[in-house]
Amino acid sequence: MVYNKYGTTNVLNLKEIEIPTLKQNEVLVKIHAASVNYWDWDLLRGKPFLNRLGGLLKPKYKILGADIAGRIEAIGREVNHISVGDEVFGDISWCGWGGFAEYVSVNAEAFTLKPARMTFEARLLRYHKREF
């Protein structure tokens, strides 16, 4: 889901985009679960006004979504604490957003290994209960 202007859900569009390329300190994650939270809503609307820093007239980030869980598909050369195939979860708001996509490429430090016995969805649910 992408958006190019501030508004409500009517400005969101389902669009095919290319799989992002990796930087040396990043991982490519195939997203299996993402949660919607108040940050996404505030960024979508551009309200409060502080959310427009970095994008006064149009959004800086075209894809919302901060809290994700998925599987590592590729790793950059500087990444050594997780591997291809690992199941992970994390908050990517500090390194670029993009969780409402099929794939995201972000700083590897945003992720923690997901417990093997837990589903992707359950991990995000437990993550949010701890925050609130």
N, C-alpha and C. Protein backbone atom coordinates (compact mmCIF):
# COMPACT_ATOMS: atom_id res chain seq x y z
N MET A 1 0.85 -1.17 0.00
CA MET A 1 0.00 0.00 0.00
C MET A 1 0.90 1.24 0.00
N VAL A 2 0.70 2.10 -0.96
CA VAL A 2 1.50 3.33 -1.07
C VAL A 2 0.58 4.55 -1.00
N TYR A 3 1.18 5.67 -0.64
CA TYR A 3 0.44 6.93 -0.67
C TYR A 3 1.40 8.05 -1.02
N ASN A 4 0.88 9.06 -1.71
CA ASN A 4 1.70 10.18 -2.18
C ASN A 4 1.24 11.52 -1.64
N LYS A 5 0.14 11.52 -0.88
CA LYS A 5 -0.33 12.76 -0.26
C LYS A 5 -1.00 12.42 1.05
N TYR A 6 -1.06 13.40 1.93
CA TYR A 6 -1.68 13.20 3.23
C TYR A 6 -3.20 13.10 3.06
N GLY A 7 -3.83 12.33 3.92
CA GLY A 7 -5.27 12.18 3.88
C GLY A 7 -5.72 11.02 4.73
N THR A 8 -6.85 10.45 4.38
CA THR A 8 -7.35 9.28 5.09
C THR A 8 -7.10 8.05 4.21
N THR A 9 -7.75 6.97 4.51
CA THR A 9 -7.50 5.74 3.77
C THR A 9 -7.80 5.86 2.28
N ASN A 10 -8.53 6.88 1.88
CA ASN A 10 -8.85 7.05 0.46
C ASN A 10 -7.63 7.43 -0.38
N VAL A 11 -6.50 7.82 0.24
CA VAL A 11 -5.29 8.15 -0.51
C VAL A 11 -4.34 6.96 -0.65
N LEU A 12 -4.69 5.83 -0.04
CA LEU A 12 -3.87 4.62 -0.15
C LEU A 12 -4.17 3.91 -1.46
N ASN A 13 -3.13 3.40 -2.10
CA ASN A 13 -3.28 2.67 -3.35
C ASN A 13 -2.47 1.38 -3.31
N LEU A 14 -3.06 0.32 -3.82
CA LEU A 14 -2.35 -0.94 -3.97
C LEU A 14 -1.54 -0.84 -5.26
N LYS A 15 -0.23 -0.98 -5.15
CA LYS A 15 0.64 -0.76 -6.30
C LYS A 15 1.78 -1.78 -6.29
N GLU A 16 2.15 -2.29 -7.47
CA GLU A 16 3.32 -3.15 -7.62
C GLU A 16 4.56 -2.28 -7.61
N ILE A 17 5.52 -2.63 -6.77
CA ILE A 17 6.80 -1.93 -6.74
C ILE A 17 7.92 -2.96 -6.79
N GLU A 18 9.12 -2.51 -7.13
CA GLU A 18 10.25 -3.41 -7.20
C GLU A 18 10.70 -3.84 -5.81
N ILE A 19 11.29 -5.01 -5.73
CA ILE A 19 11.88 -5.47 -4.47
C ILE A 19 13.05 -4.54 -4.16
N PRO A 20 13.12 -4.01 -2.94
CA PRO A 20 14.20 -3.07 -2.61
C PRO A 20 15.59 -3.71 -2.67
N THR A 21 16.58 -2.88 -2.96
CA THR A 21 17.97 -3.36 -2.98
C THR A 21 18.59 -3.17 -1.60
N LEU A 22 19.58 -3.99 -1.31
CA LEU A 22 20.24 -4.00 0.00
C LEU A 22 21.42 -3.04 0.06
N LYS A 23 21.60 -2.44 1.24
CA LYS A 23 22.85 -1.77 1.58
C LYS A 23 23.65 -2.75 2.42
N GLN A 24 24.90 -2.43 2.70
CA GLN A 24 25.78 -3.37 3.40
C GLN A 24 25.31 -3.75 4.80
N ASN A 25 24.60 -2.84 5.48
CA ASN A 25 24.16 -3.10 6.85
C ASN A 25 22.69 -3.50 6.93
N GLU A 26 22.09 -3.84 5.80
CA GLU A 26 20.66 -4.12 5.76
C GLU A 26 20.36 -5.59 5.51
N VAL A 27 19.09 -5.92 5.78
CA VAL A 27 18.55 -7.24 5.44
C VAL A 27 17.30 -7.04 4.60
N LEU A 28 17.04 -8.00 3.72
CA LEU A 28 15.81 -8.01 2.95
C LEU A 28 14.88 -8.99 3.64
N VAL A 29 13.71 -8.51 4.04
CA VAL A 29 12.75 -9.32 4.77
C VAL A 29 11.49 -9.52 3.93
N LYS A 30 11.07 -10.77 3.79
CA LYS A 30 9.75 -11.06 3.21
C LYS A 30 8.78 -10.97 4.37
N ILE A 31 7.88 -10.04 4.28
CA ILE A 31 6.97 -9.77 5.39
C ILE A 31 5.84 -10.79 5.42
N HIS A 32 5.63 -11.38 6.60
CA HIS A 32 4.55 -12.34 6.80
C HIS A 32 3.42 -11.76 7.64
N ALA A 33 3.74 -10.75 8.47
CA ALA A 33 2.71 -10.10 9.29
C ALA A 33 3.16 -8.67 9.58
N ALA A 34 2.18 -7.78 9.59
CA ALA A 34 2.43 -6.37 9.94
C ALA A 34 1.25 -5.89 10.76
N SER A 35 1.50 -5.04 11.71
CA SER A 35 0.40 -4.51 12.51
C SER A 35 0.22 -3.03 12.23
N VAL A 36 -1.00 -2.59 12.31
CA VAL A 36 -1.34 -1.18 12.13
C VAL A 36 -1.37 -0.55 13.51
N ASN A 37 -0.74 0.62 13.65
CA ASN A 37 -0.78 1.30 14.93
C ASN A 37 -1.04 2.79 14.73
N TYR A 38 -1.11 3.54 15.81
CA TYR A 38 -1.45 4.96 15.72
C TYR A 38 -0.40 5.76 14.96
N TRP A 39 0.85 5.34 14.92
CA TRP A 39 1.86 6.06 14.14
C TRP A 39 1.51 6.05 12.66
N ASP A 40 1.06 4.89 12.18
CA ASP A 40 0.67 4.79 10.77
C ASP A 40 -0.46 5.76 10.45
N TRP A 41 -1.46 5.80 11.31
CA TRP A 41 -2.60 6.70 11.11
C TRP A 41 -2.16 8.16 11.13
N ASP A 42 -1.32 8.52 12.09
CA ASP A 42 -0.84 9.91 12.18
C ASP A 42 0.00 10.30 10.96
N LEU A 43 0.87 9.41 10.50
CA LEU A 43 1.67 9.71 9.31
C LEU A 43 0.80 9.80 8.06
N LEU A 44 -0.17 8.93 7.94
CA LEU A 44 -1.08 8.96 6.80
C LEU A 44 -1.79 10.31 6.72
N ARG A 45 -2.27 10.80 7.84
CA ARG A 45 -3.00 12.07 7.88
C ARG A 45 -2.08 13.28 7.88
N GLY A 46 -0.82 13.09 8.30
CA GLY A 46 0.08 14.24 8.45
C GLY A 46 -0.29 15.08 9.66
N LYS A 47 -0.93 14.46 10.64
CA LYS A 47 -1.37 15.16 11.85
C LYS A 47 -1.00 14.32 13.06
N PRO A 48 -0.58 14.91 14.14
CA PRO A 48 -0.32 16.34 14.30
C PRO A 48 0.77 16.81 13.33
N PHE A 49 0.85 18.10 13.16
CA PHE A 49 1.71 18.70 12.16
C PHE A 49 3.17 18.24 12.26
N LEU A 50 3.61 17.92 13.47
CA LEU A 50 4.97 17.44 13.70
C LEU A 50 5.29 16.23 12.81
N ASN A 51 4.29 15.44 12.46
CA ASN A 51 4.50 14.27 11.61
C ASN A 51 4.88 14.63 10.18
N ARG A 52 4.85 15.91 9.84
CA ARG A 52 5.23 16.33 8.49
C ARG A 52 6.70 16.73 8.40
N LEU A 53 7.45 16.60 9.49
CA LEU A 53 8.88 16.88 9.42
C LEU A 53 9.51 15.91 8.42
N GLY A 54 10.26 16.44 7.51
CA GLY A 54 10.86 15.63 6.47
C GLY A 54 9.97 15.49 5.25
N GLY A 55 8.72 15.94 5.36
CA GLY A 55 7.78 15.87 4.24
C GLY A 55 6.65 16.86 4.45
N LEU A 56 6.95 18.13 4.34
CA LEU A 56 5.97 19.18 4.66
C LEU A 56 4.73 19.10 3.78
N LEU A 57 4.89 19.00 2.47
CA LEU A 57 3.75 19.01 1.56
C LEU A 57 3.31 17.62 1.11
N LYS A 58 4.24 16.67 1.11
CA LYS A 58 3.90 15.30 0.77
C LYS A 58 4.74 14.36 1.64
N PRO A 59 4.28 13.15 1.84
CA PRO A 59 4.96 12.23 2.76
C PRO A 59 6.39 11.90 2.34
N LYS A 60 7.27 11.83 3.33
CA LYS A 60 8.66 11.42 3.07
C LYS A 60 8.72 9.94 2.72
N TYR A 61 7.99 9.13 3.47
CA TYR A 61 7.95 7.69 3.24
C TYR A 61 6.67 7.35 2.50
N LYS A 62 6.77 6.63 1.43
CA LYS A 62 5.61 6.31 0.58
C LYS A 62 4.86 5.07 1.03
N ILE A 63 5.51 4.27 1.90
CA ILE A 63 4.88 3.04 2.40
C ILE A 63 4.90 3.08 3.92
N LEU A 64 3.74 2.98 4.52
CA LEU A 64 3.63 2.96 5.98
C LEU A 64 3.97 1.57 6.50
N GLY A 65 3.86 1.40 7.81
CA GLY A 65 4.08 0.11 8.43
C GLY A 65 5.41 0.04 9.15
N ALA A 66 5.34 -0.09 10.48
CA ALA A 66 6.56 -0.10 11.29
C ALA A 66 6.80 -1.42 11.99
N ASP A 67 5.76 -2.06 12.46
CA ASP A 67 5.90 -3.29 13.24
C ASP A 67 5.67 -4.49 12.33
N ILE A 68 6.73 -5.26 12.11
CA ILE A 68 6.63 -6.37 11.16
C ILE A 68 7.25 -7.64 11.71
N ALA A 69 6.86 -8.74 11.10
CA ALA A 69 7.48 -10.05 11.34
C ALA A 69 7.61 -10.74 9.99
N GLY A 70 8.73 -11.40 9.78
CA GLY A 70 8.94 -12.06 8.50
C GLY A 70 10.18 -12.92 8.49
N ARG A 71 10.58 -13.31 7.28
CA ARG A 71 11.73 -14.19 7.10
C ARG A 71 12.81 -13.47 6.30
N ILE A 72 14.06 -13.62 6.74
CA ILE A 72 15.20 -12.99 6.07
C ILE A 72 15.43 -13.69 4.72
N GLU A 73 15.43 -12.90 3.65
CA GLU A 73 15.65 -13.41 2.29
C GLU A 73 17.08 -13.17 1.81
N ALA A 74 17.70 -12.08 2.28
CA ALA A 74 19.07 -11.75 1.88
C ALA A 74 19.67 -10.85 2.95
N ILE A 75 21.02 -10.87 3.06
CA ILE A 75 21.69 -10.02 4.04
C ILE A 75 22.83 -9.24 3.37
N GLY A 76 23.07 -8.04 3.90
CA GLY A 76 24.19 -7.23 3.43
C GLY A 76 25.50 -7.77 3.97
N ARG A 77 26.61 -7.32 3.40
CA ARG A 77 27.94 -7.83 3.77
C ARG A 77 28.32 -7.57 5.22
N GLU A 78 27.79 -6.51 5.84
CA GLU A 78 28.17 -6.17 7.21
C GLU A 78 27.29 -6.85 8.27
N VAL A 79 26.30 -7.61 7.86
CA VAL A 79 25.36 -8.25 8.79
C VAL A 79 25.92 -9.59 9.22
N ASN A 80 26.01 -9.79 10.57
CA ASN A 80 26.55 -11.06 11.05
C ASN A 80 25.77 -11.66 12.22
N HIS A 81 24.70 -11.02 12.68
CA HIS A 81 23.96 -11.57 13.82
C HIS A 81 22.69 -12.30 13.42
N ILE A 82 22.31 -12.23 12.16
CA ILE A 82 21.17 -13.00 11.65
C ILE A 82 21.53 -13.53 10.27
N SER A 83 20.80 -14.57 9.85
CA SER A 83 21.14 -15.26 8.60
C SER A 83 19.92 -15.38 7.69
N VAL A 84 20.19 -15.67 6.43
CA VAL A 84 19.12 -15.96 5.48
C VAL A 84 18.29 -17.12 6.02
N GLY A 85 16.99 -16.99 5.98
CA GLY A 85 16.10 -18.03 6.49
C GLY A 85 15.61 -17.79 7.90
N ASP A 86 16.30 -16.94 8.67
CA ASP A 86 15.86 -16.66 10.04
C ASP A 86 14.50 -15.97 10.04
N GLU A 87 13.68 -16.31 11.01
CA GLU A 87 12.40 -15.64 11.21
C GLU A 87 12.60 -14.56 12.26
N VAL A 88 12.18 -13.34 11.94
CA VAL A 88 12.47 -12.18 12.77
C VAL A 88 11.23 -11.31 12.97
N PHE A 89 11.34 -10.39 13.93
CA PHE A 89 10.32 -9.37 14.12
C PHE A 89 11.03 -8.10 14.57
N GLY A 90 10.35 -6.95 14.42
CA GLY A 90 10.96 -5.71 14.87
C GLY A 90 10.15 -4.49 14.49
N ASP A 91 10.61 -3.36 15.00
CA ASP A 91 10.03 -2.04 14.73
C ASP A 91 10.98 -1.33 13.78
N ILE A 92 10.54 -1.05 12.56
CA ILE A 92 11.40 -0.42 11.56
C ILE A 92 11.12 1.07 11.40
N SER A 93 10.39 1.67 12.33
CA SER A 93 10.04 3.09 12.20
C SER A 93 11.28 3.98 12.22
N TRP A 94 12.30 3.61 12.92
CA TRP A 94 13.50 4.45 13.04
C TRP A 94 14.44 4.31 11.84
N CYS A 95 14.16 3.38 10.94
CA CYS A 95 15.07 3.18 9.81
C CYS A 95 14.38 3.14 8.46
N GLY A 96 13.19 3.71 8.36
CA GLY A 96 12.63 3.88 7.03
C GLY A 96 11.20 3.45 6.76
N TRP A 97 10.52 2.81 7.68
CA TRP A 97 9.14 2.36 7.45
C TRP A 97 9.09 1.37 6.29
N GLY A 98 7.93 1.09 5.77
CA GLY A 98 7.79 0.21 4.62
C GLY A 98 7.19 -1.15 4.92
N GLY A 99 6.63 -1.35 6.09
CA GLY A 99 6.11 -2.65 6.50
C GLY A 99 4.84 -3.10 5.81
N PHE A 100 4.13 -2.18 5.14
CA PHE A 100 2.91 -2.57 4.43
C PHE A 100 3.25 -2.91 2.98
N ALA A 101 4.26 -3.72 2.81
CA ALA A 101 4.71 -4.17 1.49
C ALA A 101 5.00 -5.66 1.59
N GLU A 102 5.32 -6.26 0.49
CA GLU A 102 5.67 -7.68 0.50
C GLU A 102 7.09 -7.90 0.99
N TYR A 103 7.99 -6.97 0.62
CA TYR A 103 9.40 -7.02 1.04
C TYR A 103 9.82 -5.66 1.55
N VAL A 104 10.77 -5.66 2.48
CA VAL A 104 11.37 -4.42 2.95
C VAL A 104 12.86 -4.66 3.16
N SER A 105 13.65 -3.64 2.88
CA SER A 105 15.09 -3.70 3.09
C SER A 105 15.45 -2.60 4.08
N VAL A 106 15.87 -2.98 5.28
CA VAL A 106 16.18 -2.02 6.33
C VAL A 106 17.36 -2.50 7.18
N ASN A 107 17.82 -1.62 8.06
CA ASN A 107 18.94 -1.89 8.94
C ASN A 107 18.70 -3.18 9.73
N ALA A 108 19.67 -4.06 9.71
CA ALA A 108 19.55 -5.36 10.38
C ALA A 108 19.36 -5.23 11.89
N GLU A 109 19.83 -4.14 12.48
CA GLU A 109 19.72 -3.95 13.92
C GLU A 109 18.27 -3.78 14.39
N ALA A 110 17.35 -3.59 13.47
CA ALA A 110 15.93 -3.42 13.84
C ALA A 110 15.28 -4.74 14.23
N PHE A 111 15.95 -5.87 13.99
CA PHE A 111 15.29 -7.16 14.13
C PHE A 111 15.85 -8.04 15.25
N THR A 112 14.95 -8.83 15.79
CA THR A 112 15.25 -9.84 16.79
C THR A 112 14.70 -11.16 16.27
N LEU A 113 15.33 -12.26 16.62
CA LEU A 113 14.84 -13.56 16.20
C LEU A 113 13.48 -13.85 16.83
N LYS A 114 12.57 -14.39 16.02
CA LYS A 114 11.25 -14.78 16.49
C LYS A 114 11.36 -16.19 17.09
N PRO A 115 10.75 -16.43 18.24
CA PRO A 115 10.75 -17.78 18.78
C PRO A 115 10.14 -18.76 17.78
N ALA A 116 10.75 -19.90 17.58
CA ALA A 116 10.33 -20.86 16.56
C ALA A 116 8.91 -21.37 16.77
N ARG A 117 8.48 -21.51 18.00
CA ARG A 117 7.16 -22.09 18.26
C ARG A 117 6.03 -21.07 18.12
N MET A 118 6.35 -19.84 17.86
CA MET A 118 5.35 -18.78 17.78
C MET A 118 5.07 -18.40 16.33
N THR A 119 3.82 -18.13 16.01
CA THR A 119 3.50 -17.67 14.65
C THR A 119 3.94 -16.23 14.48
N PHE A 120 4.04 -15.79 13.24
CA PHE A 120 4.41 -14.39 12.98
C PHE A 120 3.38 -13.44 13.60
N GLU A 121 2.11 -13.76 13.45
CA GLU A 121 1.05 -12.90 13.98
C GLU A 121 1.06 -12.85 15.51
N ALA A 122 1.25 -13.99 16.14
CA ALA A 122 1.28 -14.03 17.60
C ALA A 122 2.45 -13.23 18.14
N ARG A 123 3.58 -13.26 17.46
CA ARG A 123 4.75 -12.51 17.93
C ARG A 123 4.46 -11.01 17.94
N LEU A 124 3.81 -10.51 16.90
CA LEU A 124 3.48 -9.09 16.87
C LEU A 124 2.47 -8.74 17.96
N LEU A 125 1.51 -9.62 18.21
CA LEU A 125 0.52 -9.37 19.25
C LEU A 125 1.19 -9.26 20.61
N ARG A 126 2.10 -10.17 20.94
CA ARG A 126 2.82 -10.11 22.21
C ARG A 126 3.70 -8.88 22.29
N TYR A 127 4.30 -8.48 21.17
CA TYR A 127 5.15 -7.29 21.11
C TYR A 127 4.35 -6.05 21.47
N HIS A 128 3.14 -5.94 20.95
CA HIS A 128 2.31 -4.76 21.23
C HIS A 128 1.76 -4.75 22.65
N LYS A 129 1.42 -5.90 23.17
CA LYS A 129 0.90 -5.95 24.55
C LYS A 129 1.95 -5.43 25.54
N ARG A 130 3.22 -5.67 25.24
CA ARG A 130 4.30 -5.20 26.12
C ARG A 130 4.40 -3.68 26.07
N GLU A 131 4.14 -3.08 24.92
CA GLU A 131 4.26 -1.64 24.77
C GLU A 131 3.17 -0.88 25.51
N PHE A 132 1.95 -1.42 25.51
CA PHE A 132 0.82 -0.63 26.02
C PHE A 132 0.41 -1.07 27.37
